[in-house]
Amino acid sequence: LGASASTVTFSGDVIIDYKYEGGRF
């Protein structure tokens, strides 16, 4: 996910790693 600091500026990336648990990710 790109982290938006303004309509034209991105500050960095958020990375999400998923796991399968309880029938869902």
mmCIF file of all heavy atoms, coordinates in Angstrom:
data_MODEL
# 
_entry.id   MODEL 
# 
loop_
_atom_site.group_PDB 
_atom_site.id 
_atom_site.type_symbol 
_atom_site.label_atom_id 
_atom_site.label_alt_id 
_atom_site.label_comp_id 
_atom_site.label_asym_id 
_atom_site.label_entity_id 
_atom_site.label_seq_id 
_atom_site.pdbx_PDB_ins_code 
_atom_site.Cartn_x 
_atom_site.Cartn_y 
_atom_site.Cartn_z 
_atom_site.occupancy 
_atom_site.B_iso_or_equiv 
_atom_site.pdbx_formal_charge 
_atom_site.auth_seq_id 
_atom_site.auth_comp_id 
_atom_site.auth_asym_id 
_atom_site.auth_atom_id 
_atom_site.pdbx_PDB_model_num 
ATOM 1   N N   . LEU A 1 1  ? 0.836   -1.197  0.000  1.00 0.00 ? 1  LEU A N   1 
ATOM 2   C CA  . LEU A 1 1  ? 0.000   0.000   0.000  1.00 0.00 ? 1  LEU A CA  1 
ATOM 3   C C   . LEU A 1 1  ? 0.870   1.246   0.000  1.00 0.00 ? 1  LEU A C   1 
ATOM 4   O O   . LEU A 1 1  ? 1.761   1.390   0.832  1.00 0.00 ? 1  LEU A O   1 
ATOM 5   C CB  . LEU A 1 1  ? -0.894  0.026   1.246  1.00 0.00 ? 1  LEU A CB  1 
ATOM 6   C CG  . LEU A 1 1  ? -1.623  -1.270  1.617  1.00 0.00 ? 1  LEU A CG  1 
ATOM 7   C CD1 . LEU A 1 1  ? -2.363  -1.080  2.942  1.00 0.00 ? 1  LEU A CD1 1 
ATOM 8   C CD2 . LEU A 1 1  ? -2.592  -1.660  0.509  1.00 0.00 ? 1  LEU A CD2 1 
ATOM 9   N N   . GLY A 1 2  ? 0.600   2.145   -0.928 1.00 0.00 ? 2  GLY A N   1 
ATOM 10  C CA  . GLY A 1 2  ? 1.303   3.414   -0.920 1.00 0.00 ? 2  GLY A CA  1 
ATOM 11  C C   . GLY A 1 2  ? 0.699   4.330   0.130  1.00 0.00 ? 2  GLY A C   1 
ATOM 12  O O   . GLY A 1 2  ? -0.529  4.467   0.226  1.00 0.00 ? 2  GLY A O   1 
ATOM 13  N N   . ALA A 1 3  ? 1.554   4.933   0.932  1.00 0.00 ? 3  ALA A N   1 
ATOM 14  C CA  . ALA A 1 3  ? 1.092   5.827   1.991  1.00 0.00 ? 3  ALA A CA  1 
ATOM 15  C C   . ALA A 1 3  ? 1.069   7.258   1.459  1.00 0.00 ? 3  ALA A C   1 
ATOM 16  O O   . ALA A 1 3  ? 2.110   7.836   1.164  1.00 0.00 ? 3  ALA A O   1 
ATOM 17  C CB  . ALA A 1 3  ? 2.004   5.724   3.216  1.00 0.00 ? 3  ALA A CB  1 
ATOM 18  N N   . SER A 1 4  ? -0.119  7.840   1.313  1.00 0.00 ? 4  SER A N   1 
ATOM 19  C CA  . SER A 1 4  ? -0.267  9.187   0.757  1.00 0.00 ? 4  SER A CA  1 
ATOM 20  C C   . SER A 1 4  ? -0.135  10.237  1.845  1.00 0.00 ? 4  SER A C   1 
ATOM 21  O O   . SER A 1 4  ? -0.851  10.214  2.845  1.00 0.00 ? 4  SER A O   1 
ATOM 22  C CB  . SER A 1 4  ? -1.638  9.346   0.101  1.00 0.00 ? 4  SER A CB  1 
ATOM 23  O OG  . SER A 1 4  ? -1.841  8.354   -0.878 1.00 0.00 ? 4  SER A OG  1 
ATOM 24  N N   . ALA A 1 5  ? 0.791   11.180  1.590  1.00 0.00 ? 5  ALA A N   1 
ATOM 25  C CA  . ALA A 1 5  ? 0.930   12.304  2.511  1.00 0.00 ? 5  ALA A CA  1 
ATOM 26  C C   . ALA A 1 5  ? 0.188   13.522  1.974  1.00 0.00 ? 5  ALA A C   1 
ATOM 27  O O   . ALA A 1 5  ? -0.144  14.443  2.719  1.00 0.00 ? 5  ALA A O   1 
ATOM 28  C CB  . ALA A 1 5  ? 2.405   12.647  2.712  1.00 0.00 ? 5  ALA A CB  1 
ATOM 29  N N   . SER A 1 6  ? -0.070  13.537  0.652  1.00 0.00 ? 6  SER A N   1 
ATOM 30  C CA  . SER A 1 6  ? -0.859  14.582  0.000  1.00 0.00 ? 6  SER A CA  1 
ATOM 31  C C   . SER A 1 6  ? -1.384  13.995  -1.301 1.00 0.00 ? 6  SER A C   1 
ATOM 32  O O   . SER A 1 6  ? -1.133  12.814  -1.605 1.00 0.00 ? 6  SER A O   1 
ATOM 33  C CB  . SER A 1 6  ? -0.013  15.826  -0.276 1.00 0.00 ? 6  SER A CB  1 
ATOM 34  O OG  . SER A 1 6  ? 0.861   15.618  -1.366 1.00 0.00 ? 6  SER A OG  1 
ATOM 35  N N   . THR A 1 7  ? -2.084  14.792  -2.108 1.00 0.00 ? 7  THR A N   1 
ATOM 36  C CA  . THR A 1 7  ? -2.623  14.272  -3.367 1.00 0.00 ? 7  THR A CA  1 
ATOM 37  C C   . THR A 1 7  ? -1.520  13.920  -4.358 1.00 0.00 ? 7  THR A C   1 
ATOM 38  O O   . THR A 1 7  ? -1.748  13.167  -5.311 1.00 0.00 ? 7  THR A O   1 
ATOM 39  C CB  . THR A 1 7  ? -3.560  15.302  -4.020 1.00 0.00 ? 7  THR A CB  1 
ATOM 40  O OG1 . THR A 1 7  ? -2.860  16.537  -4.200 1.00 0.00 ? 7  THR A OG1 1 
ATOM 41  C CG2 . THR A 1 7  ? -4.786  15.544  -3.146 1.00 0.00 ? 7  THR A CG2 1 
ATOM 42  N N   . VAL A 1 8  ? -0.305  14.448  -4.158 1.00 0.00 ? 8  VAL A N   1 
ATOM 43  C CA  . VAL A 1 8  ? 0.796   14.196  -5.094 1.00 0.00 ? 8  VAL A CA  1 
ATOM 44  C C   . VAL A 1 8  ? 2.037   13.607  -4.422 1.00 0.00 ? 8  VAL A C   1 
ATOM 45  O O   . VAL A 1 8  ? 3.034   13.352  -5.085 1.00 0.00 ? 8  VAL A O   1 
ATOM 46  C CB  . VAL A 1 8  ? 1.196   15.495  -5.830 1.00 0.00 ? 8  VAL A CB  1 
ATOM 47  C CG1 . VAL A 1 8  ? 0.052   15.978  -6.690 1.00 0.00 ? 8  VAL A CG1 1 
ATOM 48  C CG2 . VAL A 1 8  ? 1.626   16.576  -4.839 1.00 0.00 ? 8  VAL A CG2 1 
ATOM 49  N N   . THR A 1 9  ? 1.961   13.374  -3.137 1.00 0.00 ? 9  THR A N   1 
ATOM 50  C CA  . THR A 1 9  ? 3.142   12.939  -2.401 1.00 0.00 ? 9  THR A CA  1 
ATOM 51  C C   . THR A 1 9  ? 2.884   11.634  -1.663 1.00 0.00 ? 9  THR A C   1 
ATOM 52  O O   . THR A 1 9  ? 1.877   11.502  -0.965 1.00 0.00 ? 9  THR A O   1 
ATOM 53  C CB  . THR A 1 9  ? 3.583   13.997  -1.380 1.00 0.00 ? 9  THR A CB  1 
ATOM 54  O OG1 . THR A 1 9  ? 3.743   15.251  -2.049 1.00 0.00 ? 9  THR A OG1 1 
ATOM 55  C CG2 . THR A 1 9  ? 4.904   13.605  -0.727 1.00 0.00 ? 9  THR A CG2 1 
ATOM 56  N N   . PHE A 1 10 ? 3.818   10.679  -1.829 1.00 0.00 ? 10 PHE A N   1 
ATOM 57  C CA  . PHE A 1 10 ? 3.754   9.436   -1.073 1.00 0.00 ? 10 PHE A CA  1 
ATOM 58  C C   . PHE A 1 10 ? 4.976   9.365   -0.169 1.00 0.00 ? 10 PHE A C   1 
ATOM 59  O O   . PHE A 1 10 ? 6.084   9.699   -0.579 1.00 0.00 ? 10 PHE A O   1 
ATOM 60  C CB  . PHE A 1 10 ? 3.723   8.227   -2.002 1.00 0.00 ? 10 PHE A CB  1 
ATOM 61  C CG  . PHE A 1 10 ? 2.434   8.065   -2.762 1.00 0.00 ? 10 PHE A CG  1 
ATOM 62  C CD1 . PHE A 1 10 ? 2.230   8.733   -3.962 1.00 0.00 ? 10 PHE A CD1 1 
ATOM 63  C CD2 . PHE A 1 10 ? 1.419   7.272   -2.257 1.00 0.00 ? 10 PHE A CD2 1 
ATOM 64  C CE1 . PHE A 1 10 ? 1.044   8.606   -4.651 1.00 0.00 ? 10 PHE A CE1 1 
ATOM 65  C CE2 . PHE A 1 10 ? 0.220   7.131   -2.938 1.00 0.00 ? 10 PHE A CE2 1 
ATOM 66  C CZ  . PHE A 1 10 ? 0.029   7.805   -4.141 1.00 0.00 ? 10 PHE A CZ  1 
ATOM 67  N N   . SER A 1 11 ? 4.766   8.938   1.029  1.00 0.00 ? 11 SER A N   1 
ATOM 68  C CA  . SER A 1 11 ? 5.858   8.916   2.006  1.00 0.00 ? 11 SER A CA  1 
ATOM 69  C C   . SER A 1 11 ? 6.572   7.574   2.059  1.00 0.00 ? 11 SER A C   1 
ATOM 70  O O   . SER A 1 11 ? 7.736   7.509   2.459  1.00 0.00 ? 11 SER A O   1 
ATOM 71  C CB  . SER A 1 11 ? 5.324   9.251   3.398  1.00 0.00 ? 11 SER A CB  1 
ATOM 72  O OG  . SER A 1 11 ? 4.485   8.212   3.875  1.00 0.00 ? 11 SER A OG  1 
ATOM 73  N N   . GLY A 1 12 ? 5.902   6.487   1.695  1.00 0.00 ? 12 GLY A N   1 
ATOM 74  C CA  . GLY A 1 12 ? 6.500   5.169   1.800  1.00 0.00 ? 12 GLY A CA  1 
ATOM 75  C C   . GLY A 1 12 ? 5.487   4.085   1.493  1.00 0.00 ? 12 GLY A C   1 
ATOM 76  O O   . GLY A 1 12 ? 4.389   4.363   0.994  1.00 0.00 ? 12 GLY A O   1 
ATOM 77  N N   . ASP A 1 13 ? 5.839   2.854   1.793  1.00 0.00 ? 13 ASP A N   1 
ATOM 78  C CA  . ASP A 1 13 ? 4.971   1.701   1.547  1.00 0.00 ? 13 ASP A CA  1 
ATOM 79  C C   . ASP A 1 13 ? 4.684   0.950   2.836  1.00 0.00 ? 13 ASP A C   1 
ATOM 80  O O   . ASP A 1 13 ? 5.577   0.745   3.666  1.00 0.00 ? 13 ASP A O   1 
ATOM 81  C CB  . ASP A 1 13 ? 5.637   0.713   0.583  1.00 0.00 ? 13 ASP A CB  1 
ATOM 82  C CG  . ASP A 1 13 ? 5.650   1.216   -0.848 1.00 0.00 ? 13 ASP A CG  1 
ATOM 83  O OD1 . ASP A 1 13 ? 4.746   1.994   -1.213 1.00 0.00 ? 13 ASP A OD1 1 
ATOM 84  O OD2 . ASP A 1 13 ? 6.567   0.824   -1.602 1.00 0.00 ? 13 ASP A OD2 1 
ATOM 85  N N   . VAL A 1 14 ? 3.459   0.515   2.957  1.00 0.00 ? 14 VAL A N   1 
ATOM 86  C CA  . VAL A 1 14 ? 3.088   -0.418  4.007  1.00 0.00 ? 14 VAL A CA  1 
ATOM 87  C C   . VAL A 1 14 ? 2.956   -1.792  3.360  1.00 0.00 ? 14 VAL A C   1 
ATOM 88  O O   . VAL A 1 14 ? 2.268   -1.950  2.349  1.00 0.00 ? 14 VAL A O   1 
ATOM 89  C CB  . VAL A 1 14 ? 1.765   -0.021  4.683  1.00 0.00 ? 14 VAL A CB  1 
ATOM 90  C CG1 . VAL A 1 14 ? 1.228   -1.172  5.543  1.00 0.00 ? 14 VAL A CG1 1 
ATOM 91  C CG2 . VAL A 1 14 ? 1.977   1.207   5.554  1.00 0.00 ? 14 VAL A CG2 1 
ATOM 92  N N   . ILE A 1 15 ? 3.647   -2.782  3.902  1.00 0.00 ? 15 ILE A N   1 
ATOM 93  C CA  . ILE A 1 15 ? 3.598   -4.154  3.395  1.00 0.00 ? 15 ILE A CA  1 
ATOM 94  C C   . ILE A 1 15 ? 2.830   -5.019  4.390  1.00 0.00 ? 15 ILE A C   1 
ATOM 95  O O   . ILE A 1 15 ? 3.100   -4.987  5.590  1.00 0.00 ? 15 ILE A O   1 
ATOM 96  C CB  . ILE A 1 15 ? 5.009   -4.742  3.196  1.00 0.00 ? 15 ILE A CB  1 
ATOM 97  C CG1 . ILE A 1 15 ? 5.836   -3.852  2.278  1.00 0.00 ? 15 ILE A CG1 1 
ATOM 98  C CG2 . ILE A 1 15 ? 4.913   -6.171  2.649  1.00 0.00 ? 15 ILE A CG2 1 
ATOM 99  C CD1 . ILE A 1 15 ? 5.304   -3.734  0.878  1.00 0.00 ? 15 ILE A CD1 1 
ATOM 100 N N   . ILE A 1 16 ? 1.871   -5.779  3.854  1.00 0.00 ? 16 ILE A N   1 
ATOM 101 C CA  . ILE A 1 16 ? 1.089   -6.689  4.683  1.00 0.00 ? 16 ILE A CA  1 
ATOM 102 C C   . ILE A 1 16 ? 1.312   -8.118  4.198  1.00 0.00 ? 16 ILE A C   1 
ATOM 103 O O   . ILE A 1 16 ? 1.051   -8.428  3.025  1.00 0.00 ? 16 ILE A O   1 
ATOM 104 C CB  . ILE A 1 16 ? -0.414  -6.366  4.620  1.00 0.00 ? 16 ILE A CB  1 
ATOM 105 C CG1 . ILE A 1 16 ? -0.681  -4.915  5.060  1.00 0.00 ? 16 ILE A CG1 1 
ATOM 106 C CG2 . ILE A 1 16 ? -1.210  -7.345  5.488  1.00 0.00 ? 16 ILE A CG2 1 
ATOM 107 C CD1 . ILE A 1 16 ? -2.103  -4.462  4.821  1.00 0.00 ? 16 ILE A CD1 1 
ATOM 108 N N   . ASP A 1 17 ? 1.823   -8.972  5.046  1.00 0.00 ? 17 ASP A N   1 
ATOM 109 C CA  . ASP A 1 17 ? 1.934   -10.397 4.740  1.00 0.00 ? 17 ASP A CA  1 
ATOM 110 C C   . ASP A 1 17 ? 0.768   -11.109 5.417  1.00 0.00 ? 17 ASP A C   1 
ATOM 111 O O   . ASP A 1 17 ? 0.524   -10.911 6.615  1.00 0.00 ? 17 ASP A O   1 
ATOM 112 C CB  . ASP A 1 17 ? 3.257   -10.970 5.268  1.00 0.00 ? 17 ASP A CB  1 
ATOM 113 C CG  . ASP A 1 17 ? 4.452   -10.439 4.507  1.00 0.00 ? 17 ASP A CG  1 
ATOM 114 O OD1 . ASP A 1 17 ? 4.284   -10.095 3.319  1.00 0.00 ? 17 ASP A OD1 1 
ATOM 115 O OD2 . ASP A 1 17 ? 5.550   -10.362 5.097  1.00 0.00 ? 17 ASP A OD2 1 
ATOM 116 N N   . TYR A 1 18 ? 0.054   -11.917 4.645  1.00 0.00 ? 18 TYR A N   1 
ATOM 117 C CA  . TYR A 1 18 ? -1.128  -12.586 5.178  1.00 0.00 ? 18 TYR A CA  1 
ATOM 118 C C   . TYR A 1 18 ? -0.813  -14.020 5.622  1.00 0.00 ? 18 TYR A C   1 
ATOM 119 O O   . TYR A 1 18 ? 0.133   -14.648 5.136  1.00 0.00 ? 18 TYR A O   1 
ATOM 120 C CB  . TYR A 1 18 ? -2.232  -12.651 4.113  1.00 0.00 ? 18 TYR A CB  1 
ATOM 121 C CG  . TYR A 1 18 ? -2.916  -11.329 3.841  1.00 0.00 ? 18 TYR A CG  1 
ATOM 122 C CD1 . TYR A 1 18 ? -2.375  -10.423 2.935  1.00 0.00 ? 18 TYR A CD1 1 
ATOM 123 C CD2 . TYR A 1 18 ? -4.116  -10.997 4.474  1.00 0.00 ? 18 TYR A CD2 1 
ATOM 124 C CE1 . TYR A 1 18 ? -3.002  -9.220  2.656  1.00 0.00 ? 18 TYR A CE1 1 
ATOM 125 C CE2 . TYR A 1 18 ? -4.747  -9.794  4.211  1.00 0.00 ? 18 TYR A CE2 1 
ATOM 126 C CZ  . TYR A 1 18 ? -4.196  -8.911  3.304  1.00 0.00 ? 18 TYR A CZ  1 
ATOM 127 O OH  . TYR A 1 18 ? -4.824  -7.715  3.039  1.00 0.00 ? 18 TYR A OH  1 
ATOM 128 N N   . LYS A 1 19 ? -1.636  -14.514 6.510  1.00 0.00 ? 19 LYS A N   1 
ATOM 129 C CA  . LYS A 1 19 ? -1.579  -15.920 6.914  1.00 0.00 ? 19 LYS A CA  1 
ATOM 130 C C   . LYS A 1 19 ? -2.998  -16.489 6.885  1.00 0.00 ? 19 LYS A C   1 
ATOM 131 O O   . LYS A 1 19 ? -3.985  -15.741 7.017  1.00 0.00 ? 19 LYS A O   1 
ATOM 132 C CB  . LYS A 1 19 ? -0.997  -16.068 8.326  1.00 0.00 ? 19 LYS A CB  1 
ATOM 133 C CG  . LYS A 1 19 ? -1.861  -15.436 9.421  1.00 0.00 ? 19 LYS A CG  1 
ATOM 134 C CD  . LYS A 1 19 ? -1.239  -15.647 10.799 1.00 0.00 ? 19 LYS A CD  1 
ATOM 135 C CE  . LYS A 1 19 ? -2.095  -14.970 11.880 1.00 0.00 ? 19 LYS A CE  1 
ATOM 136 N NZ  . LYS A 1 19 ? -1.507  -15.162 13.226 1.00 0.00 ? 19 LYS A NZ  1 
ATOM 137 N N   . TYR A 1 20 ? -3.091  -17.791 6.676  1.00 0.00 ? 20 TYR A N   1 
ATOM 138 C CA  . TYR A 1 20 ? -4.401  -18.442 6.666  1.00 0.00 ? 20 TYR A CA  1 
ATOM 139 C C   . TYR A 1 20 ? -4.686  -18.985 8.055  1.00 0.00 ? 20 TYR A C   1 
ATOM 140 O O   . TYR A 1 20 ? -3.897  -19.746 8.618  1.00 0.00 ? 20 TYR A O   1 
ATOM 141 C CB  . TYR A 1 20 ? -4.422  -19.581 5.655  1.00 0.00 ? 20 TYR A CB  1 
ATOM 142 C CG  . TYR A 1 20 ? -5.744  -20.313 5.577  1.00 0.00 ? 20 TYR A CG  1 
ATOM 143 C CD1 . TYR A 1 20 ? -6.849  -19.725 4.964  1.00 0.00 ? 20 TYR A CD1 1 
ATOM 144 C CD2 . TYR A 1 20 ? -5.882  -21.595 6.115  1.00 0.00 ? 20 TYR A CD2 1 
ATOM 145 C CE1 . TYR A 1 20 ? -8.058  -20.396 4.883  1.00 0.00 ? 20 TYR A CE1 1 
ATOM 146 C CE2 . TYR A 1 20 ? -7.088  -22.280 6.039  1.00 0.00 ? 20 TYR A CE2 1 
ATOM 147 C CZ  . TYR A 1 20 ? -8.183  -21.666 5.426  1.00 0.00 ? 20 TYR A CZ  1 
ATOM 148 O OH  . TYR A 1 20 ? -9.384  -22.329 5.365  1.00 0.00 ? 20 TYR A OH  1 
ATOM 149 N N   . GLU A 1 21 ? -5.790  -18.551 8.590  1.00 0.00 ? 21 GLU A N   1 
ATOM 150 C CA  . GLU A 1 21 ? -6.122  -18.958 9.962  1.00 0.00 ? 21 GLU A CA  1 
ATOM 151 C C   . GLU A 1 21 ? -7.625  -18.875 10.168 1.00 0.00 ? 21 GLU A C   1 
ATOM 152 O O   . GLU A 1 21 ? -8.263  -17.885 9.810  1.00 0.00 ? 21 GLU A O   1 
ATOM 153 C CB  . GLU A 1 21 ? -5.400  -18.041 10.961 1.00 0.00 ? 21 GLU A CB  1 
ATOM 154 C CG  . GLU A 1 21 ? -5.602  -18.394 12.421 1.00 0.00 ? 21 GLU A CG  1 
ATOM 155 C CD  . GLU A 1 21 ? -4.794  -17.493 13.333 1.00 0.00 ? 21 GLU A CD  1 
ATOM 156 O OE1 . GLU A 1 21 ? -3.581  -17.739 13.489 1.00 0.00 ? 21 GLU A OE1 1 
ATOM 157 O OE2 . GLU A 1 21 ? -5.376  -16.503 13.870 1.00 0.00 ? 21 GLU A OE2 1 
ATOM 158 N N   . GLY A 1 22 ? -8.174  -19.920 10.710 1.00 0.00 ? 22 GLY A N   1 
ATOM 159 C CA  . GLY A 1 22 ? -9.601  -19.919 11.023 1.00 0.00 ? 22 GLY A CA  1 
ATOM 160 C C   . GLY A 1 22 ? -10.489 -19.775 9.798  1.00 0.00 ? 22 GLY A C   1 
ATOM 161 O O   . GLY A 1 22 ? -11.558 -19.160 9.874  1.00 0.00 ? 22 GLY A O   1 
ATOM 162 N N   . GLY A 1 23 ? -10.067 -20.319 8.656  1.00 0.00 ? 23 GLY A N   1 
ATOM 163 C CA  . GLY A 1 23 ? -10.904 -20.276 7.465  1.00 0.00 ? 23 GLY A CA  1 
ATOM 164 C C   . GLY A 1 23 ? -10.833 -18.998 6.672  1.00 0.00 ? 23 GLY A C   1 
ATOM 165 O O   . GLY A 1 23 ? -11.628 -18.800 5.742  1.00 0.00 ? 23 GLY A O   1 
ATOM 166 N N   . ARG A 1 24 ? -9.885  -18.120 7.029  1.00 0.00 ? 24 ARG A N   1 
ATOM 167 C CA  . ARG A 1 24 ? -9.755  -16.860 6.280  1.00 0.00 ? 24 ARG A CA  1 
ATOM 168 C C   . ARG A 1 24 ? -8.311  -16.390 6.303  1.00 0.00 ? 24 ARG A C   1 
ATOM 169 O O   . ARG A 1 24 ? -7.492  -16.888 7.080  1.00 0.00 ? 24 ARG A O   1 
ATOM 170 C CB  . ARG A 1 24 ? -10.680 -15.787 6.863  1.00 0.00 ? 24 ARG A CB  1 
ATOM 171 C CG  . ARG A 1 24 ? -10.399 -15.407 8.304  1.00 0.00 ? 24 ARG A CG  1 
ATOM 172 C CD  . ARG A 1 24 ? -11.577 -14.644 8.919  1.00 0.00 ? 24 ARG A CD  1 
ATOM 173 N NE  . ARG A 1 24 ? -11.933 -13.489 8.139  1.00 0.00 ? 24 ARG A NE  1 
ATOM 174 C CZ  . ARG A 1 24 ? -11.818 -12.225 8.565  1.00 0.00 ? 24 ARG A CZ  1 
ATOM 175 N NH1 . ARG A 1 24 ? -11.335 -11.971 9.776  1.00 0.00 ? 24 ARG A NH1 1 
ATOM 176 N NH2 . ARG A 1 24 ? -12.192 -11.238 7.808  1.00 0.00 ? 24 ARG A NH2 1 
ATOM 177 N N   . PHE A 1 25 ? -7.993  -15.419 5.438  1.00 0.00 ? 25 PHE A N   1 
ATOM 178 C CA  . PHE A 1 25 ? -6.662  -14.842 5.389  1.00 0.00 ? 25 PHE A CA  1 
ATOM 179 C C   . PHE A 1 25 ? -6.650  -13.558 6.213  1.00 0.00 ? 25 PHE A C   1 
ATOM 180 O O   . PHE A 1 25 ? -7.445  -12.654 5.984  1.00 0.00 ? 25 PHE A O   1 
ATOM 181 C CB  . PHE A 1 25 ? -6.238  -14.546 3.939  1.00 0.00 ? 25 PHE A CB  1 
ATOM 182 C CG  . PHE A 1 25 ? -5.891  -15.774 3.159  1.00 0.00 ? 25 PHE A CG  1 
ATOM 183 C CD1 . PHE A 1 25 ? -6.870  -16.450 2.424  1.00 0.00 ? 25 PHE A CD1 1 
ATOM 184 C CD2 . PHE A 1 25 ? -4.590  -16.274 3.169  1.00 0.00 ? 25 PHE A CD2 1 
ATOM 185 C CE1 . PHE A 1 25 ? -6.555  -17.591 1.710  1.00 0.00 ? 25 PHE A CE1 1 
ATOM 186 C CE2 . PHE A 1 25 ? -4.271  -17.421 2.455  1.00 0.00 ? 25 PHE A CE2 1 
ATOM 187 C CZ  . PHE A 1 25 ? -5.251  -18.087 1.728  1.00 0.00 ? 25 PHE A CZ  1 
# 
